[in-house]
Amino acid sequence: MTTYTRALDTKVLIVAVVNEDIRDWAAYIGAVEGKNHDAETPGVAERGTKVSKEMAEMVFPYCAKYNWRC
């Protein structure tokens, strides 16, 4: 699995999670403390709220080549 992170605000991250083996992906958003985004990324990937495909493609257009994970 590969993750890509964008900070929408100091305390809001959106994380794309790509599984290259099966060529799918999804993106999740979550609130964080904003102290260390690298350390906070896995928590958003695991427990964040899944965003719509349209929103995810706006933030991570390079991931759109993969199948959207339903």
C-alpha atoms as a PDB file:
ATOM      1  CA  MET A   1       0.000   0.000   0.000  1.00  0.00           C
ATOM      2  CA  THR A   2       1.077   3.522  -0.768  1.00  0.00           C
ATOM      3  CA  THR A   3      -0.335   6.647   0.850  1.00  0.00           C
ATOM      4  CA  TYR A   4      -0.362  10.231  -0.382  1.00  0.00           C
ATOM      5  CA  THR A   5      -1.226  13.037   2.023  1.00  0.00           C
ATOM      6  CA  ARG A   6      -2.402  16.612   1.551  1.00  0.00           C
ATOM      7  CA  ALA A   7      -2.975  19.019   4.392  1.00  0.00           C
ATOM      8  CA  LEU A   8      -6.181  20.959   3.788  1.00  0.00           C
ATOM      9  CA  ASP A   9      -5.497  22.862   6.988  1.00  0.00           C
ATOM     10  CA  THR A  10      -3.014  22.475   9.829  1.00  0.00           C
ATOM     11  CA  LYS A  11      -5.468  20.152  11.570  1.00  0.00           C
ATOM     12  CA  VAL A  12      -7.179  18.493   8.580  1.00  0.00           C
ATOM     13  CA  LEU A  13      -5.568  15.831   6.388  1.00  0.00           C
ATOM     14  CA  ILE A  14      -6.851  14.001   3.341  1.00  0.00           C
ATOM     15  CA  VAL A  15      -5.071  10.733   2.593  1.00  0.00           C
ATOM     16  CA  ALA A  16      -5.185   8.618  -0.560  1.00  0.00           C
ATOM     17  CA  VAL A  17      -4.554   4.921   0.012  1.00  0.00           C
ATOM     18  CA  VAL A  18      -3.465   3.041  -3.110  1.00  0.00           C
ATOM     19  CA  ASN A  19      -3.181  -0.734  -3.374  1.00  0.00           C
ATOM     20  CA  GLU A  20      -0.971  -1.287  -6.414  1.00  0.00           C
ATOM     21  CA  ASP A  21      -1.383  -5.079  -6.246  1.00  0.00           C
ATOM     22  CA  ILE A  22      -5.076  -4.926  -7.090  1.00  0.00           C
ATOM     23  CA  ARG A  23      -4.905  -1.443  -8.642  1.00  0.00           C
ATOM     24  CA  ASP A  24      -7.511   0.273  -6.485  1.00  0.00           C
ATOM     25  CA  TRP A  25      -7.643   3.302  -4.240  1.00  0.00           C
ATOM     26  CA  ALA A  26      -9.762   5.411  -1.903  1.00  0.00           C
ATOM     27  CA  ALA A  27      -9.264   8.635   0.036  1.00  0.00           C
ATOM     28  CA  TYR A  28     -10.095   9.529   3.617  1.00  0.00           C
ATOM     29  CA  ILE A  29     -10.331  12.800   5.536  1.00  0.00           C
ATOM     30  CA  GLY A  30      -9.814  13.398   9.219  1.00  0.00           C
ATOM     31  CA  ALA A  31      -8.997  15.884  11.941  1.00  0.00           C
ATOM     32  CA  VAL A  32      -5.537  15.648  13.491  1.00  0.00           C
ATOM     33  CA  GLU A  33      -3.613  17.495  16.192  1.00  0.00           C
ATOM     34  CA  GLY A  34      -1.442  19.117  13.530  1.00  0.00           C
ATOM     35  CA  LYS A  35       1.828  18.430  15.300  1.00  0.00           C
ATOM     36  CA  ASN A  36       3.340  15.850  12.917  1.00  0.00           C
ATOM     37  CA  HIS A  37       1.481  15.092   9.697  1.00  0.00           C
ATOM     38  CA  ASP A  38       3.770  12.177   8.833  1.00  0.00           C
ATOM     39  CA  ALA A  39       2.901  10.478  12.120  1.00  0.00           C
ATOM     40  CA  GLU A  40      -0.790  11.421  11.865  1.00  0.00           C
ATOM     41  CA  THR A  41      -1.311  10.112   8.309  1.00  0.00           C
ATOM     42  CA  PRO A  42      -1.767   6.420   9.242  1.00  0.00           C
ATOM     43  CA  GLY A  43      -4.552   7.278  11.685  1.00  0.00           C
ATOM     44  CA  VAL A  44      -6.500   9.155   9.013  1.00  0.00           C
ATOM     45  CA  ALA A  45      -5.944   6.304   6.540  1.00  0.00           C
ATOM     46  CA  GLU A  46      -7.311   3.793   9.067  1.00  0.00           C
ATOM     47  CA  ARG A  47     -10.073   5.753  10.798  1.00  0.00           C
ATOM     48  CA  GLY A  48     -10.857   8.716   8.564  1.00  0.00           C
ATOM     49  CA  THR A  49     -14.117   9.342   6.746  1.00  0.00           C
ATOM     50  CA  LYS A  50     -14.104   8.191   3.125  1.00  0.00           C
ATOM     51  CA  VAL A  51     -14.577  11.082   0.706  1.00  0.00           C
ATOM     52  CA  SER A  52     -16.400  10.975  -2.618  1.00  0.00           C
ATOM     53  CA  LYS A  53     -14.577   9.848  -5.737  1.00  0.00           C
ATOM     54  CA  GLU A  54     -15.063  13.318  -7.246  1.00  0.00           C
ATOM     55  CA  MET A  55     -13.413  15.069  -4.306  1.00  0.00           C
ATOM     56  CA  ALA A  56     -10.599  12.539  -4.168  1.00  0.00           C
ATOM     57  CA  GLU A  57      -9.831  12.976  -7.865  1.00  0.00           C
ATOM     58  CA  MET A  58      -9.610  16.754  -7.426  1.00  0.00           C
ATOM     59  CA  VAL A  59      -6.999  16.389  -4.699  1.00  0.00           C
ATOM     60  CA  PHE A  60      -5.164  13.342  -6.084  1.00  0.00           C
ATOM     61  CA  PRO A  61      -5.665  13.385  -9.896  1.00  0.00           C
ATOM     62  CA  TYR A  62      -2.677  11.066 -10.426  1.00  0.00           C
ATOM     63  CA  CYS A  63      -4.503   8.295  -8.527  1.00  0.00           C
ATOM     64  CA  ALA A  64      -7.487   8.326 -10.900  1.00  0.00           C
ATOM     65  CA  LYS A  65      -5.741   5.755 -13.118  1.00  0.00           C
ATOM     66  CA  TYR A  66      -6.612   3.158 -10.454  1.00  0.00           C
ATOM     67  CA  ASN A  67     -10.072   1.695  -9.804  1.00  0.00           C
ATOM     68  CA  TRP A  68     -12.082   3.474  -7.130  1.00  0.00           C
ATOM     69  CA  ARG A  69     -12.566   1.284  -4.060  1.00  0.00           C
ATOM     70  CA  CYS A  70     -16.316   1.126  -3.327  1.00  0.00           C
END
